Amino acid sequence: MHTRSRQTRQIRQTVLALGAAGLTVIATGAALDALWLLGIGVWGVIAAMATELVYRP
């Protein structure tokens, strides 16, 4: 039981890190009017959502 909670915590931290990084890159891309940064940020958020869906306990 202990390893499962550790794995769940690690996945949750990964999802939050991906989401925060994606939102930061989106905000930077919007501020700089750089579409390529917006695209990278959106893919980061999509990766966070996909990870959450796949590894949901």
N, C-alpha and C. Protein backbone atom coordinates (compact mmCIF):
# COMPACT_ATOMS: atom_id res chain seq x y z
N MET A 1 0.81 -1.19 0.00
CA MET A 1 0.00 0.00 0.00
C MET A 1 0.86 1.26 0.00
N HIS A 2 2.00 1.18 0.67
CA HIS A 2 2.85 2.36 0.77
C HIS A 2 3.42 2.77 -0.59
N THR A 3 3.85 1.79 -1.41
CA THR A 3 4.43 2.12 -2.70
C THR A 3 3.38 2.72 -3.64
N ARG A 4 2.14 2.28 -3.52
CA ARG A 4 1.10 2.83 -4.39
C ARG A 4 0.86 4.30 -4.07
N SER A 5 0.85 4.66 -2.82
CA SER A 5 0.63 6.06 -2.47
C SER A 5 1.83 6.91 -2.91
N ARG A 6 3.03 6.33 -2.85
CA ARG A 6 4.22 7.06 -3.31
C ARG A 6 4.14 7.27 -4.83
N GLN A 7 3.72 6.23 -5.55
CA GLN A 7 3.59 6.36 -7.00
C GLN A 7 2.51 7.37 -7.36
N THR A 8 1.41 7.35 -6.63
CA THR A 8 0.34 8.30 -6.88
C THR A 8 0.81 9.73 -6.64
N ARG A 9 1.58 9.90 -5.58
CA ARG A 9 2.12 11.23 -5.27
C ARG A 9 3.08 11.70 -6.37
N GLN A 10 3.90 10.81 -6.88
CA GLN A 10 4.85 11.16 -7.93
C GLN A 10 4.14 11.54 -9.23
N ILE A 11 3.10 10.78 -9.57
CA ILE A 11 2.33 11.10 -10.77
C ILE A 11 1.66 12.46 -10.61
N ARG A 12 1.09 12.71 -9.42
CA ARG A 12 0.43 13.99 -9.16
C ARG A 12 1.42 15.15 -9.29
N GLN A 13 2.64 14.97 -8.77
CA GLN A 13 3.65 16.00 -8.89
C GLN A 13 4.06 16.22 -10.35
N THR A 14 4.14 15.14 -11.11
CA THR A 14 4.48 15.24 -12.53
C THR A 14 3.40 16.00 -13.29
N VAL A 15 2.14 15.68 -13.01
CA VAL A 15 1.03 16.35 -13.67
C VAL A 15 1.02 17.83 -13.33
N LEU A 16 1.22 18.16 -12.07
CA LEU A 16 1.24 19.57 -11.67
C LEU A 16 2.42 20.31 -12.29
N ALA A 17 3.58 19.66 -12.37
CA ALA A 17 4.75 20.29 -12.97
C ALA A 17 4.53 20.54 -14.46
N LEU A 18 3.99 19.54 -15.16
CA LEU A 18 3.70 19.72 -16.59
C LEU A 18 2.68 20.83 -16.83
N GLY A 19 1.64 20.83 -16.02
CA GLY A 19 0.61 21.86 -16.17
C GLY A 19 1.14 23.25 -15.88
N ALA A 20 1.92 23.39 -14.81
CA ALA A 20 2.48 24.70 -14.46
C ALA A 20 3.47 25.18 -15.52
N ALA A 21 4.29 24.27 -16.02
CA ALA A 21 5.24 24.65 -17.07
C ALA A 21 4.50 25.05 -18.34
N GLY A 22 3.46 24.29 -18.69
CA GLY A 22 2.69 24.62 -19.88
C GLY A 22 2.01 25.97 -19.78
N LEU A 23 1.42 26.25 -18.61
CA LEU A 23 0.76 27.54 -18.43
C LEU A 23 1.75 28.70 -18.43
N THR A 24 2.94 28.47 -17.88
CA THR A 24 3.97 29.50 -17.89
C THR A 24 4.42 29.81 -19.32
N VAL A 25 4.61 28.76 -20.11
CA VAL A 25 5.03 28.97 -21.51
C VAL A 25 3.91 29.63 -22.31
N ILE A 26 2.66 29.27 -22.04
CA ILE A 26 1.53 29.92 -22.72
C ILE A 26 1.50 31.40 -22.40
N ALA A 27 1.67 31.75 -21.13
CA ALA A 27 1.66 33.16 -20.73
C ALA A 27 2.82 33.93 -21.36
N THR A 28 3.98 33.31 -21.41
CA THR A 28 5.13 33.95 -22.04
C THR A 28 4.91 34.13 -23.54
N GLY A 29 4.36 33.12 -24.18
CA GLY A 29 4.07 33.22 -25.62
C GLY A 29 3.04 34.29 -25.92
N ALA A 30 2.04 34.42 -25.05
CA ALA A 30 1.03 35.46 -25.25
C ALA A 30 1.63 36.84 -25.06
N ALA A 31 2.51 36.98 -24.08
CA ALA A 31 3.13 38.28 -23.82
C ALA A 31 4.06 38.69 -24.95
N LEU A 32 4.73 37.72 -25.56
CA LEU A 32 5.70 38.01 -26.62
C LEU A 32 5.11 37.88 -28.02
N ASP A 33 3.84 37.55 -28.11
CA ASP A 33 3.19 37.30 -29.41
C ASP A 33 3.93 36.25 -30.22
N ALA A 34 4.35 35.20 -29.56
CA ALA A 34 5.09 34.12 -30.21
C ALA A 34 4.19 32.88 -30.27
N LEU A 35 3.69 32.58 -31.45
CA LEU A 35 2.79 31.45 -31.60
C LEU A 35 3.46 30.11 -31.32
N TRP A 36 4.74 30.01 -31.60
CA TRP A 36 5.42 28.75 -31.36
C TRP A 36 5.50 28.46 -29.87
N LEU A 37 5.65 29.51 -29.04
CA LEU A 37 5.63 29.30 -27.59
C LEU A 37 4.24 28.90 -27.12
N LEU A 38 3.22 29.51 -27.70
CA LEU A 38 1.85 29.12 -27.35
C LEU A 38 1.61 27.65 -27.68
N GLY A 39 2.09 27.22 -28.83
CA GLY A 39 1.92 25.83 -29.23
C GLY A 39 2.62 24.87 -28.29
N ILE A 40 3.84 25.18 -27.90
CA ILE A 40 4.57 24.33 -26.96
C ILE A 40 3.85 24.28 -25.61
N GLY A 41 3.35 25.42 -25.16
CA GLY A 41 2.63 25.45 -23.89
C GLY A 41 1.35 24.63 -23.94
N VAL A 42 0.63 24.73 -25.04
CA VAL A 42 -0.61 23.95 -25.18
C VAL A 42 -0.29 22.46 -25.16
N TRP A 43 0.77 22.05 -25.84
CA TRP A 43 1.13 20.64 -25.82
C TRP A 43 1.56 20.19 -24.43
N GLY A 44 2.18 21.08 -23.65
CA GLY A 44 2.52 20.75 -22.27
C GLY A 44 1.28 20.50 -21.43
N VAL A 45 0.26 21.34 -21.59
CA VAL A 45 -1.00 21.16 -20.86
C VAL A 45 -1.70 19.89 -21.32
N ILE A 46 -1.68 19.62 -22.62
CA ILE A 46 -2.28 18.39 -23.14
C ILE A 46 -1.56 17.17 -22.56
N ALA A 47 -0.25 17.22 -22.46
CA ALA A 47 0.51 16.11 -21.87
C ALA A 47 0.13 15.91 -20.41
N ALA A 48 -0.06 17.00 -19.68
CA ALA A 48 -0.47 16.89 -18.27
C ALA A 48 -1.85 16.25 -18.16
N MET A 49 -2.77 16.66 -19.01
CA MET A 49 -4.13 16.09 -18.96
C MET A 49 -4.11 14.62 -19.35
N ALA A 50 -3.34 14.28 -20.37
CA ALA A 50 -3.27 12.88 -20.81
C ALA A 50 -2.64 12.00 -19.73
N THR A 51 -1.62 12.52 -19.07
CA THR A 51 -0.98 11.76 -17.99
C THR A 51 -1.97 11.55 -16.85
N GLU A 52 -2.74 12.56 -16.52
CA GLU A 52 -3.74 12.43 -15.45
C GLU A 52 -4.79 11.39 -15.83
N LEU A 53 -5.21 11.38 -17.08
CA LEU A 53 -6.23 10.41 -17.50
C LEU A 53 -5.70 8.98 -17.50
N VAL A 54 -4.47 8.79 -17.94
CA VAL A 54 -3.91 7.46 -18.05
C VAL A 54 -3.58 6.88 -16.68
N TYR A 55 -3.02 7.69 -15.80
CA TYR A 55 -2.53 7.18 -14.52
C TYR A 55 -3.46 7.48 -13.36
N ARG A 56 -4.72 7.73 -13.63
CA ARG A 56 -5.68 7.98 -12.54
C ARG A 56 -5.83 6.71 -11.71
N PRO A 57 -5.65 6.82 -10.39
CA PRO A 57 -5.74 5.62 -9.54
C PRO A 57 -7.17 5.13 -9.41
